Amino acid sequence: MRAWWRAKIYLKRMNLNRPTTTLFMLTSVDGKISTGGGDNMDVDKDFPRISGLKEGLQQYYDIEQTTDLYSLNSGKVQAKVGANEKKDDVKKLPVSFLIIDNKPHLNDIGVDNFIRKSKTFFLITTNKDHPAFKRKDESNLEIIYYKNEIDFVDLFKRFKQDFGIESITIQTGGTLNAIFLRKKLIDKISIVVAPTLIGGNETPSLIAGKSLSTNAELKDIKALKLVEAKPLNDSYLHLRYDVIKETEVSGE
């Protein structure tokens, strides 16, 4: 039986107890999801200033508007893009945000912004002192607390079993993306490729985390099956893949 067919069967089984997930990101041709290594560097802020990139950038945001109504993000990424800035014109959206935030990266203002704009704001944390606990009585706030570390397999099961979530768009950073990929929690990839090379060892990539170092770990590499490669305007490209969960490695 072909690997991709086994993957389809596996995916159907997985969908019985957790949501279907799609990793949706804007990336450079060399796989970078930021313009540099510092917290002040960000594609949302910097691409609109760069000729050759700003012209086609809106297409990414247009595609983003068609993604799932449950959006999984990290507090670190959200703080970087201005989630903690005081805003008077926050509009309620039909989207529910699921934010993983342990440090915390979100402050009182950030929590308030998400409560005001989310259909439901899910806060996932190991930090019992997270500012979201001050707002725990809000009708559209759900706090999912883990005492020591987040069990992501359990978390994704809870999303479906406890809250009826059927599909999630993942837009976290490279470290969390790597964890989800290794734990077989990503089903589909949808990336908009910007026509640029960014480079830099410290620049965040689509998939980060610990590098593989042994032949035994080759099974953690996930092959992809192309679903669509769509050229966009201004040399942008939209790529969609299914993730083949079970990796077969031949030889030694």
Protein backbone atom coordinates (compact mmCIF):
# COMPACT_ATOMS: atom_id res chain seq x y z
CA MET A 1 0.00 0.00 0.00
CA ARG A 2 1.39 3.38 -0.93
CA ALA A 3 2.58 5.63 1.89
CA TRP A 4 0.25 8.47 0.90
CA TRP A 5 -2.77 6.13 0.96
CA ARG A 6 -1.83 4.89 4.42
CA ALA A 7 -1.52 8.55 5.43
CA LYS A 8 -5.09 9.21 4.26
CA ILE A 9 -6.40 6.30 6.32
CA TYR A 10 -4.37 7.49 9.32
CA LEU A 11 -5.70 11.02 8.92
CA LYS A 12 -9.29 9.80 8.92
CA ARG A 13 -8.64 7.96 12.16
CA MET A 14 -6.96 10.98 13.71
CA ASN A 15 -9.86 13.20 12.77
CA LEU A 16 -12.09 11.13 15.01
CA ASN A 17 -10.51 12.64 18.13
CA ARG A 18 -8.90 15.97 17.16
CA PRO A 19 -9.45 18.83 14.71
CA THR A 20 -8.05 18.87 11.21
CA THR A 21 -5.14 21.33 11.17
CA THR A 22 -3.58 23.54 8.51
CA LEU A 23 -0.27 25.34 8.95
CA PHE A 24 -0.73 28.68 7.17
CA MET A 25 2.23 31.04 6.91
CA LEU A 26 3.89 33.71 4.80
CA THR A 27 7.46 32.67 4.01
CA SER A 28 10.40 33.70 1.89
CA VAL A 29 11.80 31.37 -0.77
CA ASP A 30 14.44 30.25 1.76
CA GLY A 31 11.80 29.47 4.38
CA LYS A 32 12.14 32.52 6.62
CA ILE A 33 9.04 33.80 8.41
CA SER A 34 10.60 37.02 9.69
CA THR A 35 12.89 39.66 8.23
CA GLY A 36 15.58 39.17 10.88
CA GLY A 37 16.52 37.80 14.27
CA GLY A 38 15.36 40.64 16.51
CA ASP A 39 11.88 41.10 17.95
CA ASN A 40 11.69 44.41 16.09
CA MET A 41 11.95 42.58 12.74
CA ASP A 42 8.69 41.36 11.24
CA VAL A 43 7.32 40.62 7.76
CA ASP A 44 3.99 42.35 8.47
CA LYS A 45 5.84 45.53 9.35
CA ASP A 46 8.76 45.34 6.92
CA PHE A 47 7.43 43.82 3.67
CA PRO A 48 5.13 46.81 3.02
CA ARG A 49 8.27 48.98 2.90
CA ILE A 50 10.21 46.88 0.37
CA SER A 51 9.81 47.33 -3.38
CA GLY A 52 9.13 44.03 -5.13
CA LEU A 53 7.39 42.65 -2.04
CA LYS A 54 4.85 45.30 -1.08
CA GLU A 55 3.09 45.10 -4.44
CA GLY A 56 1.79 41.53 -3.99
CA LEU A 57 1.60 41.30 -0.21
CA GLN A 58 -2.16 41.92 0.06
CA GLN A 59 -2.79 38.56 -1.60
CA TYR A 60 -1.52 36.82 1.53
CA TYR A 61 -3.98 38.72 3.73
CA ASP A 62 -6.79 37.98 1.27
CA ILE A 63 -6.08 34.25 1.50
CA GLU A 64 -5.82 34.54 5.29
CA GLN A 65 -9.43 35.77 5.36
CA THR A 66 -10.53 32.40 3.94
CA THR A 67 -8.86 30.27 6.62
CA ASP A 68 -10.54 28.48 9.54
CA LEU A 69 -12.56 30.36 12.14
CA TYR A 70 -10.28 28.90 14.83
CA SER A 71 -6.79 30.41 14.69
CA LEU A 72 -3.95 28.98 16.79
CA ASN A 73 -1.21 31.46 17.61
CA SER A 74 1.48 32.03 20.26
CA GLY A 75 1.61 34.87 22.72
CA LYS A 76 5.21 35.56 21.68
CA VAL A 77 4.29 36.11 18.04
CA GLN A 78 1.22 38.14 18.92
CA ALA A 79 3.15 40.42 21.28
CA LYS A 80 5.71 40.95 18.50
CA VAL A 81 3.03 42.19 16.10
CA GLY A 82 1.48 44.61 18.56
CA ALA A 83 -1.13 42.63 20.52
CA ASN A 84 -0.24 44.49 23.73
CA GLU A 85 -0.82 47.95 22.30
CA LYS A 86 -3.84 49.79 23.65
CA LYS A 87 -6.55 50.03 21.00
CA ASP A 88 -9.87 51.84 21.20
CA ASP A 89 -11.29 50.54 17.93
CA VAL A 90 -11.16 46.76 18.51
CA LYS A 91 -13.91 45.05 16.51
CA LYS A 92 -15.51 41.75 17.42
CA LEU A 93 -14.56 39.12 14.84
CA PRO A 94 -16.21 35.79 13.96
CA VAL A 95 -12.82 34.18 14.65
CA SER A 96 -11.90 32.36 17.85
CA PHE A 97 -8.24 32.74 18.83
CA LEU A 98 -6.34 29.96 20.59
CA ILE A 99 -3.22 31.50 22.12
CA ILE A 100 -0.38 29.50 23.66
CA ASP A 101 1.34 31.76 26.17
CA ASN A 102 3.44 30.62 29.12
CA LYS A 103 5.92 33.42 29.88
CA PRO A 104 3.55 35.44 29.66
CA HIS A 105 4.07 37.53 26.56
CA LEU A 106 0.55 38.97 26.67
CA ASN A 107 -0.05 41.62 29.31
CA ASP A 108 -3.36 42.94 30.68
CA ILE A 109 -3.91 45.05 27.57
CA GLY A 110 -3.18 42.13 25.26
CA VAL A 111 -5.62 39.90 27.11
CA ASP A 112 -8.27 42.62 26.95
CA ASN A 113 -7.72 43.09 23.21
CA PHE A 114 -8.22 39.37 22.56
CA ILE A 115 -11.31 39.17 24.73
CA ARG A 116 -12.83 42.10 22.86
CA LYS A 117 -12.04 40.85 19.35
CA SER A 118 -12.48 37.07 19.71
CA LYS A 119 -15.66 35.10 19.35
CA THR A 120 -14.04 32.92 21.99
CA PHE A 121 -10.57 33.55 23.37
CA PHE A 122 -8.81 30.33 24.36
CA LEU A 123 -5.71 30.89 26.49
CA ILE A 124 -3.42 27.85 26.88
CA THR A 125 -0.76 28.24 29.56
CA THR A 126 1.37 26.67 32.28
CA ASN A 127 1.63 30.00 34.08
CA LYS A 128 -0.80 30.18 36.99
CA ASP A 129 -0.06 33.91 37.28
CA HIS A 130 -0.99 34.71 33.69
CA PRO A 131 -2.98 37.99 33.54
CA ALA A 132 -5.84 36.15 31.80
CA PHE A 133 -6.77 34.60 35.16
CA LYS A 134 -7.85 38.06 36.34
CA ARG A 135 -10.53 37.93 33.63
CA LYS A 136 -11.55 34.29 34.08
CA ASP A 137 -15.24 35.22 34.52
CA GLU A 138 -15.50 36.67 31.00
CA SER A 139 -18.16 34.78 29.05
CA ASN A 140 -15.99 34.34 25.94
CA LEU A 141 -12.74 33.37 27.72
CA GLU A 142 -11.65 29.75 28.11
CA ILE A 143 -8.40 29.09 30.02
CA ILE A 144 -6.76 25.69 29.49
CA TYR A 145 -4.15 25.24 32.20
CA TYR A 146 -1.40 22.62 32.37
CA LYS A 147 0.55 22.38 35.62
CA ASN A 148 4.00 21.50 34.27
CA GLU A 149 4.17 21.49 30.47
CA ILE A 150 1.58 21.52 27.75
CA ASP A 151 0.65 18.07 26.46
CA PHE A 152 -0.08 19.07 22.88
CA VAL A 153 -1.57 15.73 21.85
CA ASP A 154 -3.98 15.97 24.77
CA LEU A 155 -4.63 19.65 24.03
CA PHE A 156 -5.67 19.02 20.44
CA LYS A 157 -7.97 16.20 21.56
CA ARG A 158 -9.56 18.56 24.09
CA PHE A 159 -10.14 21.16 21.39
CA LYS A 160 -12.48 18.75 19.65
CA GLN A 161 -13.88 16.69 22.50
CA ASP A 162 -14.51 19.54 24.95
CA PHE A 163 -15.21 22.43 22.58
CA GLY A 164 -16.37 20.80 19.35
CA ILE A 165 -13.64 22.39 17.23
CA GLU A 166 -13.43 20.62 13.87
CA SER A 167 -10.65 22.54 12.10
CA ILE A 168 -7.85 24.89 13.12
CA THR A 169 -5.44 27.14 11.24
CA ILE A 170 -1.99 27.17 12.85
CA GLN A 171 0.05 30.38 12.63
CA THR A 172 2.65 29.96 15.35
CA GLY A 173 6.43 30.42 15.25
CA GLY A 174 9.01 27.93 14.03
CA THR A 175 9.60 26.27 17.42
CA LEU A 176 5.95 25.39 18.01
CA ASN A 177 5.52 24.49 14.33
CA ALA A 178 8.32 21.94 14.76
CA ILE A 179 6.70 20.43 17.86
CA PHE A 180 3.36 20.07 16.10
CA LEU A 181 5.02 18.51 13.05
CA ARG A 182 7.03 15.97 15.05
CA LYS A 183 3.95 15.01 17.06
CA LYS A 184 1.96 14.50 13.82
CA LEU A 185 -0.47 17.29 14.65
CA ILE A 186 -0.24 19.09 11.30
CA ASP A 187 -2.39 17.68 8.51
CA LYS A 188 -2.06 20.29 5.78
CA ILE A 189 0.39 22.99 4.74
CA SER A 190 -0.74 26.23 3.08
CA ILE A 191 2.10 28.68 2.50
CA VAL A 192 2.29 31.90 0.56
CA VAL A 193 5.85 32.26 -0.76
CA ALA A 194 7.09 35.83 -1.15
CA PRO A 195 9.59 36.45 -3.95
CA THR A 196 12.57 37.10 -1.71
CA LEU A 197 15.61 35.55 -0.05
CA ILE A 198 16.23 36.76 3.50
CA GLY A 199 18.87 34.49 5.03
CA GLY A 200 20.43 34.71 8.48
CA ASN A 201 21.16 31.96 11.01
CA GLU A 202 19.13 33.78 13.64
CA THR A 203 16.17 34.57 11.39
CA PRO A 204 13.13 32.42 12.34
CA SER A 205 12.22 29.69 9.87
CA LEU A 206 8.95 27.94 9.06
CA ILE A 207 10.09 24.87 10.98
CA ALA A 208 12.72 25.34 13.69
CA GLY A 209 13.35 23.33 16.85
CA LYS A 210 16.10 20.80 17.49
CA SER A 211 18.03 19.62 14.44
CA LEU A 212 18.03 15.92 13.61
CA SER A 213 21.38 14.27 14.27
CA THR A 214 21.01 10.50 13.81
CA ASN A 215 19.75 8.12 11.14
CA ALA A 216 17.12 6.90 13.60
CA GLU A 217 15.60 10.38 13.60
CA LEU A 218 15.06 10.41 9.84
CA LYS A 219 11.56 9.08 10.55
CA ASP A 220 10.77 12.52 11.96
CA ILE A 221 11.12 14.07 8.50
CA LYS A 222 7.66 14.53 7.01
CA ALA A 223 7.16 14.14 3.28
CA LEU A 224 4.48 16.25 1.62
CA LYS A 225 2.02 15.51 -1.16
CA LEU A 226 1.40 18.50 -3.41
CA VAL A 227 -2.26 19.51 -3.66
CA GLU A 228 -1.91 22.81 -5.52
CA ALA A 229 0.79 25.18 -6.74
CA LYS A 230 -0.84 28.44 -7.71
CA PRO A 231 1.13 31.38 -9.11
CA LEU A 232 -0.11 34.70 -7.74
CA ASN A 233 0.47 38.22 -8.98
CA ASP A 234 3.81 39.99 -8.55
CA SER A 235 5.78 36.71 -8.41
CA TYR A 236 4.09 35.43 -5.24
CA LEU A 237 3.18 31.73 -5.05
CA HIS A 238 0.57 29.80 -3.04
CA LEU A 239 1.51 26.20 -2.24
CA ARG A 240 -0.78 23.65 -0.60
CA TYR A 241 0.29 20.20 0.59
CA ASP A 242 -1.03 17.25 2.56
CA VAL A 243 1.38 16.02 5.23
CA ILE A 244 2.30 12.33 5.02
CA LYS A 245 2.34 11.38 8.69
CA GLU A 246 4.12 8.02 8.59
CA THR A 247 7.66 8.25 7.21
CA GLU A 248 9.26 5.17 5.70
CA VAL A 249 13.07 5.09 5.75
CA SER A 250 14.80 2.35 3.75
CA GLY A 251 18.35 1.10 4.21
CA GLU A 252 20.65 2.18 6.98
